Amino acid sequence: MNPLLASRLANIAPFHVMELAKKATELERQGRSIIHMGIGEPDFTAAQPVIDAATRAMADGKMQYTSATGIPALREAIAAHYQRVYGLNIAPSRIIVTAGASAALLLACAALVEKGAEVLMPDPSYPCNRHFVAAFEGHAKMIPSGPEHRFQLSDDMVREHWNASTRGVLLASPSNPTGTSIPHDELRRIVATVREKNGFTIVDEIYQGLTYDEEPFSALSLGEDVIVINSFSKYFNMTGWRLGWLVVPDAMVPAIEKLAQNLFICASSIAQHAGVACFTPEAIAIYEERKAEFKCRRDFIVPALRQLGFRVPVTPDGAFYVYADCSALSGDADQLTIDMLHDAGVVLVPGLDFGPYTARQYIRLSYATSMENLKEAVARLEKFFAARR
């Protein structure tokens, strides 16, 4: 007899990006050449100084549990990073090292989301964000956010949709799936409005290191009550290491520590010791070179998509995604991505995962792959669309 599953699972939708990736893998097993531009994972891996630090940590036996909040050396290195890059004086005691940004979001939602509470976020958004809210029996209120708002929430939207059940906002800047950031002044206004309503502001900044057109800023500059999520997966190219962090107000630290002790014990000790090396000048130089390469890829693929017939209404300023309107090419983004996979051997993903507002009209492309692959993908898609005319 199978166990009775919890009813909350009905609020967690399948992750279609992963389903499409499984289909692509099956085609590869059949001998097909597939270019993957679906999953948002850098093709770069951890920098050599980080690998060397992990090797030393294992050789030195640094493999025991750590404090639930993380090793002091890593928390101090992250704090120094905020000072060096953003000019912010963040106390290491406010930084909680986590098992990836996912764990950071889980801890933040566990601490802040009550049963029945509403959390505002834009549609489109990264799907897991709304599921973290649902996991604690809250409700993610998805607000349609089109290109005229850079696919982000505005202060006017927050004011319009805030009601008696609203507890806070969950934002991402730069965003997955759109690669767009919230302008600094707009984010300042949103934070002020949420503060006025005694709510919480969580800002996912895991792509903050990958901003290309403006000087980057952190939402932490807007006040100590802003909660920020970050990760070693994207800018630092450490996806499988499962390492991230959370910056919270001083008053929240004991609550987050208690939750972390019970839910995770600690992040990987080896990953933490390796993570300290991410902030060395040698490693930062490597990451900045890779960032420049991501920008080159963006500058190639955006005009190429427009030439193919996609509409890219907002040029992404960060991350490694393009959110492209395919309505001139197809009335069904989901079916189009399936056809592109089977007929052209190119993996892109439909807007279906990211919210209903843009589900049938938009596709997301990840340019976290080599320039060679991007050029080959464009050539294949040219042939694919020519055959459909």
Protein backbone atom coordinates (compact mmCIF):
# COMPACT_ATOMS: atom_id res chain seq x y z
CA MET A 1 0.00 0.00 0.00
CA ASN A 2 1.40 3.41 -0.94
CA PRO A 3 1.62 6.13 1.72
CA LEU A 4 -0.88 8.98 1.58
CA LEU A 5 0.94 12.00 0.20
CA ALA A 6 0.59 15.47 1.71
CA SER A 7 -2.00 17.69 0.06
CA ARG A 8 0.53 20.53 -0.32
CA LEU A 9 2.09 18.60 -3.21
CA ALA A 10 -0.87 19.72 -5.32
CA ASN A 11 0.58 23.24 -5.16
CA ILE A 12 3.95 22.18 -6.61
CA ALA A 13 3.94 22.04 -10.41
CA PRO A 14 6.35 19.86 -12.42
CA PHE A 15 9.54 21.58 -13.60
CA HIS A 16 9.12 21.52 -17.40
CA VAL A 17 12.71 22.63 -18.02
CA MET A 18 13.87 19.35 -16.52
CA GLU A 19 11.30 17.34 -18.47
CA LEU A 20 12.56 18.83 -21.73
CA ALA A 21 16.13 18.10 -20.66
CA LYS A 22 15.18 14.44 -20.16
CA LYS A 23 13.77 14.28 -23.69
CA ALA A 24 16.99 15.80 -25.01
CA THR A 25 19.08 13.24 -23.14
CA GLU A 26 17.02 10.43 -24.63
CA LEU A 27 17.64 11.79 -28.15
CA GLU A 28 21.36 11.95 -27.41
CA ARG A 29 21.28 8.31 -26.36
CA GLN A 30 19.83 7.60 -29.79
CA GLY A 31 22.87 9.25 -31.38
CA ARG A 32 21.43 12.73 -32.06
CA SER A 33 23.59 15.84 -31.72
CA ILE A 34 21.83 18.17 -29.26
CA ILE A 35 22.81 21.73 -28.34
CA HIS A 36 21.65 22.51 -24.81
CA MET A 37 20.46 26.05 -24.15
CA GLY A 38 17.78 25.15 -21.66
CA ILE A 39 19.14 24.69 -18.14
CA GLY A 40 20.83 27.71 -16.56
CA GLU A 41 24.17 26.18 -15.68
CA PRO A 42 27.49 27.80 -16.60
CA ASP A 43 29.64 25.76 -18.94
CA PHE A 44 32.60 26.94 -16.83
CA THR A 45 33.44 24.97 -13.71
CA ALA A 46 35.08 25.98 -10.44
CA ALA A 47 38.28 27.99 -10.83
CA GLN A 48 41.55 26.19 -10.12
CA PRO A 49 42.25 28.10 -6.86
CA VAL A 50 38.91 26.83 -5.55
CA ILE A 51 39.65 23.24 -6.55
CA ASP A 52 43.07 23.51 -4.90
CA ALA A 53 41.46 24.82 -1.70
CA ALA A 54 39.02 21.90 -1.66
CA THR A 55 41.89 19.45 -2.12
CA ARG A 56 43.78 21.03 0.80
CA ALA A 57 40.67 20.93 2.99
CA MET A 58 40.24 17.21 2.36
CA ALA A 59 43.94 16.52 2.88
CA ASP A 60 43.82 18.43 6.17
CA GLY A 61 40.74 16.53 7.33
CA LYS A 62 38.41 19.55 7.36
CA MET A 63 35.37 17.40 6.69
CA GLN A 64 33.42 17.56 9.96
CA TYR A 65 30.21 19.44 10.67
CA THR A 66 30.57 23.18 10.91
CA SER A 67 28.45 25.77 12.65
CA ALA A 68 24.98 25.98 11.11
CA THR A 69 25.77 29.58 10.14
CA GLY A 70 28.99 28.67 8.32
CA ILE A 71 32.72 28.83 9.00
CA PRO A 72 33.91 32.27 10.17
CA ALA A 73 36.51 32.56 7.39
CA LEU A 74 33.82 32.27 4.68
CA ARG A 75 31.40 34.66 6.37
CA GLU A 76 34.22 37.19 6.73
CA ALA A 77 35.27 36.72 3.08
CA ILE A 78 31.69 37.35 1.90
CA ALA A 79 31.48 40.48 4.08
CA ALA A 80 34.77 41.73 2.62
CA HIS A 81 33.37 41.09 -0.87
CA TYR A 82 30.40 43.36 -0.18
CA GLN A 83 32.79 46.07 0.99
CA ARG A 84 35.10 45.73 -2.02
CA VAL A 85 32.43 45.48 -4.75
CA TYR A 86 29.54 47.54 -3.36
CA GLY A 87 31.14 49.68 -0.66
CA LEU A 88 28.84 48.14 1.97
CA ASN A 89 29.81 47.41 5.54
CA ILE A 90 27.95 44.14 6.25
CA ALA A 91 28.67 42.47 9.59
CA PRO A 92 29.75 38.83 9.08
CA SER A 93 27.31 37.90 11.87
CA ARG A 94 24.42 38.78 9.51
CA ILE A 95 25.64 36.32 6.86
CA ILE A 96 24.34 32.73 7.01
CA VAL A 97 26.13 30.22 4.77
CA THR A 98 23.64 27.78 3.22
CA ALA A 99 23.46 24.64 1.09
CA GLY A 100 22.93 26.66 -2.07
CA ALA A 101 20.55 29.56 -2.72
CA SER A 102 17.67 27.08 -2.62
CA ALA A 103 18.37 26.39 1.05
CA ALA A 104 18.64 30.13 1.68
CA LEU A 105 15.21 30.73 0.14
CA LEU A 106 13.77 27.80 2.07
CA LEU A 107 15.09 29.19 5.35
CA ALA A 108 13.83 32.69 4.60
CA CYS A 109 10.35 31.40 3.73
CA ALA A 110 10.29 29.10 6.76
CA ALA A 111 11.00 32.10 8.98
CA LEU A 112 8.62 34.59 7.34
CA VAL A 113 5.71 32.91 5.52
CA GLU A 114 2.61 32.15 7.58
CA LYS A 115 -0.17 29.82 6.50
CA GLY A 116 -2.38 31.70 4.04
CA ALA A 117 0.03 34.62 3.68
CA GLU A 118 0.44 36.20 0.25
CA VAL A 119 3.84 36.97 -1.22
CA LEU A 120 3.98 39.20 -4.29
CA MET A 121 6.27 38.32 -7.19
CA PRO A 122 6.34 39.05 -10.90
CA ASP A 123 4.99 36.79 -13.59
CA PRO A 124 7.37 35.63 -15.10
CA SER A 125 9.52 34.36 -12.21
CA TYR A 126 11.78 31.42 -11.43
CA PRO A 127 9.24 28.66 -10.64
CA CYS A 128 10.91 27.33 -7.51
CA ASN A 129 10.47 30.71 -5.80
CA ARG A 130 6.70 30.35 -5.72
CA HIS A 131 7.04 26.74 -4.62
CA PHE A 132 9.16 27.73 -1.61
CA VAL A 133 6.25 29.94 -0.55
CA ALA A 134 3.76 27.13 -1.18
CA ALA A 135 5.88 24.71 0.88
CA PHE A 136 4.99 26.75 3.96
CA GLU A 137 1.32 27.01 2.97
CA GLY A 138 1.62 30.56 1.74
CA HIS A 139 0.35 31.85 -1.59
CA ALA A 140 2.57 33.33 -4.28
CA LYS A 141 0.57 36.08 -5.96
CA MET A 142 1.95 36.32 -9.48
CA ILE A 143 1.53 39.81 -10.92
CA PRO A 144 1.66 40.06 -14.75
CA SER A 145 4.82 42.01 -15.59
CA GLY A 146 5.47 42.72 -19.24
CA PRO A 147 8.39 44.21 -21.17
CA GLU A 148 7.21 47.74 -20.38
CA HIS A 149 8.23 46.96 -16.77
CA ARG A 150 11.31 44.95 -17.74
CA PHE A 151 9.33 41.86 -16.61
CA GLN A 152 9.76 43.08 -13.01
CA LEU A 153 7.50 44.43 -10.30
CA SER A 154 7.12 48.18 -9.94
CA ASP A 155 6.24 50.13 -6.83
CA ASP A 156 2.84 50.93 -8.36
CA MET A 157 2.15 47.20 -8.80
CA VAL A 158 3.10 46.48 -5.19
CA ARG A 159 0.78 49.22 -3.94
CA GLU A 160 -2.06 48.07 -6.19
CA HIS A 161 -1.90 44.39 -5.24
CA TRP A 162 -1.06 44.66 -1.53
CA ASN A 163 -3.99 43.56 0.63
CA ALA A 164 -4.73 42.39 4.16
CA SER A 165 -3.22 38.94 3.44
CA THR A 166 0.01 40.21 1.89
CA ARG A 167 3.12 39.55 3.95
CA GLY A 168 5.93 40.61 1.62
CA VAL A 169 7.60 40.54 -1.81
CA LEU A 170 10.04 38.11 -3.36
CA LEU A 171 12.09 39.66 -6.17
CA ALA A 172 15.07 38.64 -8.30
CA SER A 173 17.49 41.12 -9.84
CA PRO A 174 18.86 40.18 -12.35
CA SER A 175 16.04 37.76 -12.98
CA ASN A 176 15.65 34.23 -14.19
CA PRO A 177 14.11 33.84 -16.82
CA THR A 178 14.50 37.34 -18.25
CA GLY A 179 18.04 38.47 -17.40
CA THR A 180 16.63 41.89 -16.47
CA SER A 181 17.31 43.94 -13.35
CA ILE A 182 15.10 46.26 -11.34
CA PRO A 183 16.33 49.85 -11.66
CA HIS A 184 17.87 51.09 -8.43
CA ASP A 185 15.36 53.91 -7.87
CA GLU A 186 12.41 51.59 -8.52
CA LEU A 187 13.74 49.01 -6.08
CA ARG A 188 14.25 51.77 -3.51
CA ARG A 189 10.59 52.75 -3.89
CA ILE A 190 9.42 49.14 -3.56
CA VAL A 191 11.45 48.62 -0.39
CA ALA A 192 10.07 51.84 1.10
CA THR A 193 6.48 50.77 0.34
CA VAL A 194 6.95 47.31 1.83
CA ARG A 195 8.59 48.84 4.90
CA GLU A 196 5.65 51.25 5.25
CA LYS A 197 3.31 48.25 5.27
CA ASN A 198 5.46 46.36 7.81
CA GLY A 199 6.18 43.58 5.32
CA PHE A 200 9.36 41.78 4.26
CA THR A 201 11.47 42.22 1.14
CA ILE A 202 13.49 39.24 -0.11
CA VAL A 203 15.76 39.90 -3.09
CA ASP A 204 17.37 37.00 -4.94
CA GLU A 205 20.75 38.31 -6.15
CA ILE A 206 22.33 35.09 -7.37
CA TYR A 207 23.07 36.70 -10.76
CA GLN A 208 24.23 40.03 -9.30
CA GLY A 209 27.85 39.23 -10.15
CA LEU A 210 26.83 38.88 -13.81
CA THR A 211 25.65 42.40 -14.67
CA TYR A 212 26.95 43.89 -17.90
CA ASP A 213 25.71 47.40 -18.65
CA GLU A 214 25.56 49.29 -15.35
CA GLU A 215 27.53 49.38 -12.14
CA PRO A 216 26.10 46.58 -9.99
CA PHE A 217 24.41 47.41 -6.71
CA SER A 218 23.04 45.25 -3.92
CA ALA A 219 19.62 45.69 -2.36
CA LEU A 220 21.46 45.59 0.97
CA SER A 221 22.27 49.25 0.34
CA LEU A 222 18.57 50.03 0.89
CA GLY A 223 18.49 49.13 4.57
CA GLU A 224 19.31 46.39 7.07
CA ASP A 225 15.75 45.06 6.94
CA VAL A 226 16.19 43.87 3.33
CA ILE A 227 16.90 40.14 3.07
CA VAL A 228 19.25 39.09 0.29
CA ILE A 229 19.93 35.65 -1.20
CA ASN A 230 23.13 34.83 -3.08
CA SER A 231 24.93 31.78 -4.40
CA PHE A 232 28.26 30.38 -5.51
CA SER A 233 26.59 28.63 -8.46
CA LYS A 234 26.43 31.33 -11.14
CA TYR A 235 29.19 33.98 -10.99
CA PHE A 236 31.48 31.55 -9.14
CA ASN A 237 30.56 28.58 -11.42
CA MET A 238 30.06 26.10 -8.54
CA THR A 239 26.61 24.64 -9.27
CA GLY A 240 27.15 21.13 -7.91
CA TRP A 241 28.97 22.31 -4.80
CA ARG A 242 25.63 23.46 -3.30
CA LEU A 243 26.85 26.57 -1.55
CA GLY A 244 25.09 29.89 -1.06
CA TRP A 245 24.37 32.52 1.54
CA LEU A 246 21.65 34.60 3.12
CA VAL A 247 22.00 38.10 4.61
CA VAL A 248 19.39 38.93 7.24
CA PRO A 249 18.78 41.61 9.87
CA ASP A 250 20.57 40.99 13.17
CA ALA A 251 17.28 40.22 14.91
CA MET A 252 16.57 37.35 12.48
CA VAL A 253 19.90 35.56 12.92
CA PRO A 254 18.89 33.38 15.93
CA ALA A 255 15.70 32.24 14.17
CA ILE A 256 17.51 31.40 10.92
CA GLU A 257 20.29 29.62 12.84
CA LYS A 258 17.72 27.50 14.71
CA LEU A 259 16.02 26.55 11.45
CA ALA A 260 19.33 25.77 9.75
CA GLN A 261 20.44 23.56 12.65
CA ASN A 262 17.26 21.51 12.37
CA LEU A 263 16.74 21.43 8.61
CA PHE A 264 20.31 21.22 7.25
CA ILE A 265 22.82 21.00 10.15
CA CYS A 266 25.29 22.87 7.92
CA ALA A 267 26.43 23.41 4.35
CA SER A 268 29.14 21.11 3.00
CA SER A 269 32.31 21.72 5.00
CA ILE A 270 34.58 21.03 2.00
CA ALA A 271 32.59 23.42 -0.19
CA GLN A 272 32.81 26.10 2.50
CA HIS A 273 36.60 25.87 2.81
CA ALA A 274 36.87 25.91 -0.97
CA GLY A 275 34.51 28.88 -1.17
CA VAL A 276 36.92 31.10 0.76
CA ALA A 277 39.29 30.87 -2.22
CA CYS A 278 36.60 32.36 -4.51
CA PHE A 279 37.41 35.79 -3.12
CA THR A 280 41.16 35.74 -3.74
CA PRO A 281 42.49 38.15 -6.38
CA GLU A 282 43.60 35.21 -8.54
CA ALA A 283 40.11 33.68 -8.57
CA ILE A 284 38.29 37.00 -9.06
CA ALA A 285 40.44 37.69 -12.13
CA ILE A 286 39.28 34.36 -13.61
CA TYR A 287 35.63 35.10 -12.88
CA GLU A 288 35.84 38.56 -14.42
CA GLU A 289 37.29 37.06 -17.62
CA ARG A 290 34.41 34.60 -17.72
CA LYS A 291 31.92 37.41 -17.10
CA ALA A 292 33.35 39.24 -20.13
CA GLU A 293 32.84 36.07 -22.18
CA PHE A 294 29.19 35.85 -21.08
CA LYS A 295 28.71 39.45 -22.23
CA CYS A 296 30.21 38.60 -25.64
CA ARG A 297 27.79 35.70 -25.95
CA ARG A 298 24.84 37.93 -25.07
CA ASP A 299 25.95 40.51 -27.62
CA PHE A 300 26.02 37.78 -30.28
CA ILE A 301 22.84 35.89 -29.48
CA VAL A 302 20.37 38.76 -28.96
CA PRO A 303 20.70 40.23 -32.49
CA ALA A 304 20.87 36.69 -33.90
CA LEU A 305 17.52 35.84 -32.31
CA ARG A 306 15.99 39.02 -33.71
CA GLN A 307 17.30 38.10 -37.15
CA LEU A 308 15.62 34.69 -36.84
CA GLY A 309 12.27 36.37 -36.22
CA PHE A 310 12.08 36.37 -32.44
CA ARG A 311 11.22 39.61 -30.70
CA VAL A 312 13.49 40.48 -27.78
CA PRO A 313 11.63 43.44 -26.29
CA VAL A 314 14.11 43.98 -23.44
CA THR A 315 17.82 43.37 -23.91
CA PRO A 316 18.95 41.42 -20.84
CA ASP A 317 21.44 43.32 -18.70
CA GLY A 318 22.52 40.40 -16.53
CA ALA A 319 22.54 36.66 -15.86
CA PHE A 320 22.81 34.45 -19.00
CA TYR A 321 19.27 34.33 -20.30
CA VAL A 322 17.27 35.86 -23.13
CA TYR A 323 13.48 35.97 -22.84
CA ALA A 324 12.23 36.07 -26.42
CA ASP A 325 8.76 36.56 -27.83
CA CYS A 326 8.11 33.82 -30.41
CA SER A 327 4.56 34.86 -31.36
CA ALA A 328 5.61 35.90 -34.89
CA LEU A 329 6.91 32.35 -35.41
CA SER A 330 4.37 30.24 -33.53
CA GLY A 331 1.22 30.57 -31.48
CA ASP A 332 2.37 27.94 -29.00
CA ALA A 333 5.79 28.33 -27.36
CA ASP A 334 5.56 24.89 -25.77
CA GLN A 335 5.03 23.11 -29.08
CA LEU A 336 7.67 25.27 -30.76
CA THR A 337 10.34 24.19 -28.26
CA ILE A 338 9.40 20.53 -28.78
CA ASP A 339 9.66 20.98 -32.57
CA MET A 340 13.02 22.77 -32.27
CA LEU A 341 14.35 19.94 -30.14
CA HIS A 342 13.20 17.14 -32.46
CA ASP A 343 13.80 18.84 -35.82
CA ALA A 344 16.82 21.07 -35.13
CA GLY A 345 18.45 19.42 -32.12
CA VAL A 346 18.35 22.66 -30.12
CA VAL A 347 17.04 22.84 -26.53
CA LEU A 348 15.19 26.03 -25.56
CA VAL A 349 12.45 26.16 -22.95
CA PRO A 350 8.93 27.64 -23.11
CA GLY A 351 7.54 30.27 -20.76
CA LEU A 352 5.30 27.59 -19.24
CA ASP A 353 7.46 27.18 -16.13
CA PHE A 354 7.73 30.85 -15.35
CA GLY A 355 4.08 31.82 -14.98
CA PRO A 356 0.87 31.86 -17.04
CA TYR A 357 1.15 35.47 -18.26
CA THR A 358 3.92 34.77 -20.78
CA ALA A 359 3.59 30.98 -21.00
CA ARG A 360 2.47 30.62 -24.64
CA GLN A 361 4.23 33.61 -26.10
CA TYR A 362 7.81 33.48 -24.79
CA ILE A 363 10.75 31.13 -24.77
CA ARG A 364 13.86 31.31 -22.59
CA LEU A 365 17.31 30.78 -24.00
CA SER A 366 20.37 30.20 -21.81
CA TYR A 367 23.63 31.37 -23.38
CA ALA A 368 25.68 29.59 -20.72
CA THR A 369 27.34 27.55 -23.44
CA SER A 370 30.24 28.10 -25.81
CA MET A 371 30.20 30.64 -28.63
CA GLU A 372 30.78 27.71 -31.01
CA ASN A 373 27.56 26.08 -29.77
CA LEU A 374 25.63 29.34 -30.03
CA LYS A 375 26.70 29.83 -33.65
CA GLU A 376 25.82 26.24 -34.53
CA ALA A 377 22.43 26.59 -32.82
CA VAL A 378 21.66 29.73 -34.84
CA ALA A 379 22.62 27.95 -38.08
CA ARG A 380 20.36 25.00 -37.21
CA LEU A 381 17.45 27.31 -36.35
CA GLU A 382 17.86 29.22 -39.61
CA LYS A 383 17.35 25.94 -41.48
CA PHE A 384 14.51 24.93 -39.17
CA PHE A 385 12.51 28.12 -39.76
CA ALA A 386 13.30 28.20 -43.47
CA ALA A 387 11.77 24.71 -43.79
CA ARG A 388 8.56 25.90 -42.05
CA ARG A 389 7.95 28.85 -44.37
